[in-house]
Amino acid sequence: MIEFEIKDMSCGHCVGSITKAITALDPGAKVLAELPTHRVRVESGVPRAQLEHALRDAGYPPTPVL
């Protein structure tokens, strides 16, 4: 499970855009977004760096949570 903090995620539309960016890379990815904490958890075989790049390209720069 890969976890990111996305400070710009503030509404359901944001969650949809983030989910779309991730599933474009991995259609089988599981995405769990928590708006109150601005956290997104991703279960995917795609490397973290590729997910980060896709999120930045979608306009949602992530901060990795270790």
PDB file of N, CA and C in Angstrom:
ATOM      1  N   MET A   1       0.857  -1.179   0.000  1.00  0.00           N
ATOM      2  CA  MET A   1       0.000   0.000   0.000  1.00  0.00           C
ATOM      3  C   MET A   1       0.898   1.236   0.000  1.00  0.00           C
ATOM      4  N   ILE A   2       0.620   2.147  -0.899  1.00  0.00           N
ATOM      5  CA  ILE A   2       1.355   3.404  -1.004  1.00  0.00           C
ATOM      6  C   ILE A   2       0.431   4.514  -0.514  1.00  0.00           C
ATOM      7  N   GLU A   3       0.961   5.400   0.301  1.00  0.00           N
ATOM      8  CA  GLU A   3       0.135   6.474   0.854  1.00  0.00           C
ATOM      9  C   GLU A   3       0.738   7.833   0.514  1.00  0.00           C
ATOM     10  N   PHE A   4      -0.144   8.753   0.147  1.00  0.00           N
ATOM     11  CA  PHE A   4       0.253  10.119  -0.166  1.00  0.00           C
ATOM     12  C   PHE A   4      -0.603  11.092   0.630  1.00  0.00           C
ATOM     13  N   GLU A   5      -0.045  12.259   0.896  1.00  0.00           N
ATOM     14  CA  GLU A   5      -0.834  13.384   1.377  1.00  0.00           C
ATOM     15  C   GLU A   5      -0.963  14.344   0.202  1.00  0.00           C
ATOM     16  N   ILE A   6      -2.188  14.755  -0.095  1.00  0.00           N
ATOM     17  CA  ILE A   6      -2.437  15.666  -1.206  1.00  0.00           C
ATOM     18  C   ILE A   6      -3.196  16.861  -0.647  1.00  0.00           C
ATOM     19  N   LYS A   7      -2.464  17.913  -0.352  1.00  0.00           N
ATOM     20  CA  LYS A   7      -3.043  19.078   0.322  1.00  0.00           C
ATOM     21  C   LYS A   7      -4.103  19.780  -0.516  1.00  0.00           C
ATOM     22  N   ASP A   8      -4.010  19.673  -1.846  1.00  0.00           N
ATOM     23  CA  ASP A   8      -4.966  20.348  -2.723  1.00  0.00           C
ATOM     24  C   ASP A   8      -6.264  19.565  -2.912  1.00  0.00           C
ATOM     25  N   MET A   9      -6.383  18.386  -2.326  1.00  0.00           N
ATOM     26  CA  MET A   9      -7.595  17.572  -2.443  1.00  0.00           C
ATOM     27  C   MET A   9      -8.633  18.087  -1.446  1.00  0.00           C
ATOM     28  N   SER A  10      -9.719  18.656  -1.973  1.00  0.00           N
ATOM     29  CA  SER A  10     -10.683  19.291  -1.071  1.00  0.00           C
ATOM     30  C   SER A  10     -12.141  18.922  -1.322  1.00  0.00           C
ATOM     31  N   CYS A  11     -12.409  18.135  -2.377  1.00  0.00           N
ATOM     32  CA  CYS A  11     -13.815  17.837  -2.680  1.00  0.00           C
ATOM     33  C   CYS A  11     -13.923  16.522  -3.450  1.00  0.00           C
ATOM     34  N   GLY A  12     -15.143  16.122  -3.703  1.00  0.00           N
ATOM     35  CA  GLY A  12     -15.383  14.890  -4.441  1.00  0.00           C
ATOM     36  C   GLY A  12     -14.841  14.930  -5.859  1.00  0.00           C
ATOM     37  N   HIS A  13     -14.870  16.105  -6.480  1.00  0.00           N
ATOM     38  CA  HIS A  13     -14.311  16.229  -7.831  1.00  0.00           C
ATOM     39  C   HIS A  13     -12.816  15.947  -7.813  1.00  0.00           C
ATOM     40  N   CYS A  14     -12.136  16.446  -6.796  1.00  0.00           N
ATOM     41  CA  CYS A  14     -10.697  16.186  -6.643  1.00  0.00           C
ATOM     42  C   CYS A  14     -10.446  14.686  -6.531  1.00  0.00           C
ATOM     43  N   VAL A  15     -11.235  14.029  -5.702  1.00  0.00           N
ATOM     44  CA  VAL A  15     -11.088  12.581  -5.511  1.00  0.00           C
ATOM     45  C   VAL A  15     -11.275  11.858  -6.841  1.00  0.00           C
ATOM     46  N   GLY A  16     -12.272  12.268  -7.615  1.00  0.00           N
ATOM     47  CA  GLY A  16     -12.509  11.655  -8.920  1.00  0.00           C
ATOM     48  C   GLY A  16     -11.348  11.855  -9.873  1.00  0.00           C
ATOM     49  N   SER A  17     -10.784  13.043  -9.889  1.00  0.00           N
ATOM     50  CA  SER A  17      -9.642  13.334 -10.768  1.00  0.00           C
ATOM     51  C   SER A  17      -8.414  12.537 -10.355  1.00  0.00           C
ATOM     52  N   ILE A  18      -8.192  12.421  -9.064  1.00  0.00           N
ATOM     53  CA  ILE A  18      -7.055  11.658  -8.544  1.00  0.00           C
ATOM     54  C   ILE A  18      -7.225  10.180  -8.875  1.00  0.00           C
ATOM     55  N   THR A  19      -8.417   9.664  -8.654  1.00  0.00           N
ATOM     56  CA  THR A  19      -8.693   8.256  -8.958  1.00  0.00           C
ATOM     57  C   THR A  19      -8.513   7.988 -10.445  1.00  0.00           C
ATOM     58  N   LYS A  20      -8.990   8.893 -11.277  1.00  0.00           N
ATOM     59  CA  LYS A  20      -8.862   8.738 -12.732  1.00  0.00           C
ATOM     60  C   LYS A  20      -7.395   8.727 -13.156  1.00  0.00           C
ATOM     61  N   ALA A  21      -6.586   9.600 -12.572  1.00  0.00           N
ATOM     62  CA  ALA A  21      -5.160   9.655 -12.918  1.00  0.00           C
ATOM     63  C   ALA A  21      -4.459   8.349 -12.549  1.00  0.00           C
ATOM     64  N   ILE A  22      -4.815   7.793 -11.410  1.00  0.00           N
ATOM     65  CA  ILE A  22      -4.173   6.554 -10.964  1.00  0.00           C
ATOM     66  C   ILE A  22      -4.655   5.364 -11.783  1.00  0.00           C
ATOM     67  N   THR A  23      -5.961   5.272 -12.014  1.00  0.00           N
ATOM     68  CA  THR A  23      -6.477   4.121 -12.758  1.00  0.00           C
ATOM     69  C   THR A  23      -6.130   4.189 -14.247  1.00  0.00           C
ATOM     70  N   ALA A  24      -5.725   5.350 -14.740  1.00  0.00           N
ATOM     71  CA  ALA A  24      -5.228   5.426 -16.117  1.00  0.00           C
ATOM     72  C   ALA A  24      -3.915   4.660 -16.239  1.00  0.00           C
ATOM     73  N   LEU A  25      -3.127   4.659 -15.168  1.00  0.00           N
ATOM     74  CA  LEU A  25      -1.875   3.894 -15.150  1.00  0.00           C
ATOM     75  C   LEU A  25      -2.119   2.424 -14.864  1.00  0.00           C
ATOM     76  N   ASP A  26      -3.032   2.154 -13.942  1.00  0.00           N
ATOM     77  CA  ASP A  26      -3.312   0.789 -13.498  1.00  0.00           C
ATOM     78  C   ASP A  26      -4.817   0.649 -13.292  1.00  0.00           C
ATOM     79  N   PRO A  27      -5.520   0.126 -14.301  1.00  0.00           N
ATOM     80  CA  PRO A  27      -6.973   0.008 -14.188  1.00  0.00           C
ATOM     81  C   PRO A  27      -7.430  -0.836 -12.997  1.00  0.00           C
ATOM     82  N   GLY A  28      -6.580  -1.707 -12.498  1.00  0.00           N
ATOM     83  CA  GLY A  28      -6.940  -2.549 -11.366  1.00  0.00           C
ATOM     84  C   GLY A  28      -6.559  -1.966 -10.018  1.00  0.00           C
ATOM     85  N   ALA A  29      -6.039  -0.758 -10.007  1.00  0.00           N
ATOM     86  CA  ALA A  29      -5.595  -0.141  -8.749  1.00  0.00           C
ATOM     87  C   ALA A  29      -6.784   0.103  -7.827  1.00  0.00           C
ATOM     88  N   LYS A  30      -6.526  -0.048  -6.533  1.00  0.00           N
ATOM     89  CA  LYS A  30      -7.527   0.292  -5.519  1.00  0.00           C
ATOM     90  C   LYS A  30      -7.108   1.620  -4.907  1.00  0.00           C
ATOM     91  N   VAL A  31      -8.023   2.574  -4.912  1.00  0.00           N
ATOM     92  CA  VAL A  31      -7.730   3.925  -4.427  1.00  0.00           C
ATOM     93  C   VAL A  31      -8.695   4.247  -3.289  1.00  0.00           C
ATOM     94  N   LEU A  32      -8.140   4.635  -2.158  1.00  0.00           N
ATOM     95  CA  LEU A  32      -8.945   5.056  -1.012  1.00  0.00           C
ATOM     96  C   LEU A  32      -8.534   6.476  -0.655  1.00  0.00           C
ATOM     97  N   ALA A  33      -9.463   7.407  -0.806  1.00  0.00           N
ATOM     98  CA  ALA A  33      -9.185   8.816  -0.508  1.00  0.00           C
ATOM     99  C   ALA A  33      -9.946   9.231   0.744  1.00  0.00           C
ATOM    100  N   GLU A  34      -9.260   9.948   1.622  1.00  0.00           N
ATOM    101  CA  GLU A  34      -9.862  10.457   2.854  1.00  0.00           C
ATOM    102  C   GLU A  34      -9.760  11.985   2.838  1.00  0.00           C
ATOM    103  N   LEU A  35     -10.865  12.634   2.504  1.00  0.00           N
ATOM    104  CA  LEU A  35     -10.864  14.097   2.388  1.00  0.00           C
ATOM    105  C   LEU A  35     -10.449  14.816   3.672  1.00  0.00           C
ATOM    106  N   PRO A  36     -10.954  14.430   4.849  1.00  0.00           N
ATOM    107  CA  PRO A  36     -10.601  15.197   6.058  1.00  0.00           C
ATOM    108  C   PRO A  36      -9.098  15.233   6.356  1.00  0.00           C
ATOM    109  N   THR A  37      -8.392  14.150   5.999  1.00  0.00           N
ATOM    110  CA  THR A  37      -6.952  14.090   6.290  1.00  0.00           C
ATOM    111  C   THR A  37      -6.093  14.389   5.062  1.00  0.00           C
ATOM    112  N   HIS A  38      -6.740  14.550   3.902  1.00  0.00           N
ATOM    113  CA  HIS A  38      -6.030  14.786   2.629  1.00  0.00           C
ATOM    114  C   HIS A  38      -5.101  13.623   2.291  1.00  0.00           C
ATOM    115  N   ARG A  39      -5.469  12.424   2.690  1.00  0.00           N
ATOM    116  CA  ARG A  39      -4.645  11.240   2.436  1.00  0.00           C
ATOM    117  C   ARG A  39      -5.269  10.384   1.343  1.00  0.00           C
ATOM    118  N   VAL A  40      -4.400   9.802   0.529  1.00  0.00           N
ATOM    119  CA  VAL A  40      -4.810   8.856  -0.504  1.00  0.00           C
ATOM    120  C   VAL A  40      -3.949   7.614  -0.346  1.00  0.00           C
ATOM    121  N   ARG A  41      -4.605   6.470  -0.279  1.00  0.00           N
ATOM    122  CA  ARG A  41      -3.899   5.192  -0.213  1.00  0.00           C
ATOM    123  C   ARG A  41      -4.152   4.457  -1.523  1.00  0.00           C
ATOM    124  N   VAL A  42      -3.080   3.900  -2.070  1.00  0.00           N
ATOM    125  CA  VAL A  42      -3.169   3.234  -3.365  1.00  0.00           C
ATOM    126  C   VAL A  42      -2.581   1.838  -3.248  1.00  0.00           C
ATOM    127  N   GLU A  43      -3.336   0.870  -3.722  1.00  0.00           N
ATOM    128  CA  GLU A  43      -2.831  -0.495  -3.843  1.00  0.00           C
ATOM    129  C   GLU A  43      -2.672  -0.759  -5.330  1.00  0.00           C
ATOM    130  N   SER A  44      -1.412  -0.881  -5.762  1.00  0.00           N
ATOM    131  CA  SER A  44      -1.119  -0.993  -7.189  1.00  0.00           C
ATOM    132  C   SER A  44       0.265  -1.598  -7.379  1.00  0.00           C
ATOM    133  N   GLY A  45       0.473  -2.191  -8.534  1.00  0.00           N
ATOM    134  CA  GLY A  45       1.783  -2.706  -8.887  1.00  0.00           C
ATOM    135  C   GLY A  45       2.666  -1.659  -9.552  1.00  0.00           C
ATOM    136  N   VAL A  46       2.116  -0.474  -9.767  1.00  0.00           N
ATOM    137  CA  VAL A  46       2.864   0.614 -10.404  1.00  0.00           C
ATOM    138  C   VAL A  46       3.801   1.236  -9.369  1.00  0.00           C
ATOM    139  N   PRO A  47       5.052   1.507  -9.746  1.00  0.00           N
ATOM    140  CA  PRO A  47       5.993   2.118  -8.799  1.00  0.00           C
ATOM    141  C   PRO A  47       5.521   3.487  -8.294  1.00  0.00           C
ATOM    142  N   ARG A  48       5.901   3.787  -7.066  1.00  0.00           N
ATOM    143  CA  ARG A  48       5.526   5.050  -6.410  1.00  0.00           C
ATOM    144  C   ARG A  48       5.865   6.260  -7.283  1.00  0.00           C
ATOM    145  N   ALA A  49       7.038   6.266  -7.888  1.00  0.00           N
ATOM    146  CA  ALA A  49       7.469   7.421  -8.688  1.00  0.00           C
ATOM    147  C   ALA A  49       6.518   7.679  -9.854  1.00  0.00           C
ATOM    148  N   GLN A  50       6.025   6.626 -10.485  1.00  0.00           N
ATOM    149  CA  GLN A  50       5.086   6.799 -11.597  1.00  0.00           C
ATOM    150  C   GLN A  50       3.748   7.342 -11.103  1.00  0.00           C
ATOM    151  N   LEU A  51       3.303   6.877  -9.946  1.00  0.00           N
ATOM    152  CA  LEU A  51       2.059   7.392  -9.371  1.00  0.00           C
ATOM    153  C   LEU A  51       2.206   8.872  -9.029  1.00  0.00           C
ATOM    154  N   GLU A  52       3.345   9.232  -8.428  1.00  0.00           N
ATOM    155  CA  GLU A  52       3.598  10.637  -8.085  1.00  0.00           C
ATOM    156  C   GLU A  52       3.565  11.509  -9.338  1.00  0.00           C
ATOM    157  N   HIS A  53       4.200  11.036 -10.399  1.00  0.00           N
ATOM    158  CA  HIS A  53       4.242  11.790 -11.655  1.00  0.00           C
ATOM    159  C   HIS A  53       2.825  11.985 -12.214  1.00  0.00           C
ATOM    160  N   ALA A  54       2.025  10.928 -12.199  1.00  0.00           N
ATOM    161  CA  ALA A  54       0.656  11.017 -12.714  1.00  0.00           C
ATOM    162  C   ALA A  54      -0.179  11.996 -11.890  1.00  0.00           C
ATOM    163  N   LEU A  55       0.004  11.980 -10.577  1.00  0.00           N
ATOM    164  CA  LEU A  55      -0.740  12.897  -9.711  1.00  0.00           C
ATOM    165  C   LEU A  55      -0.319  14.345  -9.950  1.00  0.00           C
ATOM    166  N   ARG A  56       0.990  14.580 -10.114  1.00  0.00           N
ATOM    167  CA  ARG A  56       1.465  15.939 -10.416  1.00  0.00           C
ATOM    168  C   ARG A  56       0.895  16.419 -11.749  1.00  0.00           C
ATOM    169  N   ASP A  57       0.917  15.532 -12.758  1.00  0.00           N
ATOM    170  CA  ASP A  57       0.381  15.894 -14.074  1.00  0.00           C
ATOM    171  C   ASP A  57      -1.109  16.225 -14.008  1.00  0.00           C
ATOM    172  N   ALA A  58      -1.821  15.595 -13.082  1.00  0.00           N
ATOM    173  CA  ALA A  58      -3.256  15.844 -12.925  1.00  0.00           C
ATOM    174  C   ALA A  58      -3.533  17.109 -12.108  1.00  0.00           C
ATOM    175  N   GLY A  59      -2.464  17.729 -11.584  1.00  0.00           N
ATOM    176  CA  GLY A  59      -2.631  18.964 -10.822  1.00  0.00           C
ATOM    177  C   GLY A  59      -2.734  18.772  -9.322  1.00  0.00           C
ATOM    178  N   TYR A  60      -2.350  17.583  -8.851  1.00  0.00           N
ATOM    179  CA  TYR A  60      -2.434  17.268  -7.424  1.00  0.00           C
ATOM    180  C   TYR A  60      -1.079  16.780  -6.923  1.00  0.00           C
ATOM    181  N   PRO A  61      -0.153  17.689  -6.667  1.00  0.00           N
ATOM    182  CA  PRO A  61       1.180  17.266  -6.228  1.00  0.00           C
ATOM    183  C   PRO A  61       1.107  16.535  -4.886  1.00  0.00           C
ATOM    184  N   PRO A  62       1.635  15.308  -4.858  1.00  0.00           N
ATOM    185  CA  PRO A  62       1.565  14.512  -3.635  1.00  0.00           C
ATOM    186  C   PRO A  62       2.802  14.668  -2.760  1.00  0.00           C
ATOM    187  N   THR A  63       2.608  14.423  -1.488  1.00  0.00           N
ATOM    188  CA  THR A  63       3.706  14.297  -0.540  1.00  0.00           C
ATOM    189  C   THR A  63       3.676  12.859  -0.049  1.00  0.00           C
ATOM    190  N   PRO A  64       4.759  12.098  -0.239  1.00  0.00           N
ATOM    191  CA  PRO A  64       4.751  10.712   0.235  1.00  0.00           C
ATOM    192  C   PRO A  64       4.603  10.649   1.750  1.00  0.00           C
ATOM    193  N   VAL A  65       3.863   9.662   2.209  1.00  0.00           N
ATOM    194  CA  VAL A  65       3.719   9.389   3.634  1.00  0.00           C
ATOM    195  C   VAL A  65       4.404   8.057   3.872  1.00  0.00           C
ATOM    196  N   LEU A  66       5.401   8.069   4.732  1.00  0.00           N
ATOM    197  CA  LEU A  66       6.153   6.833   4.976  1.00  0.00           C
ATOM    198  C   LEU A  66       5.706   6.156   6.232  1.00  0.00           C
TER     199      LEU A  66
END
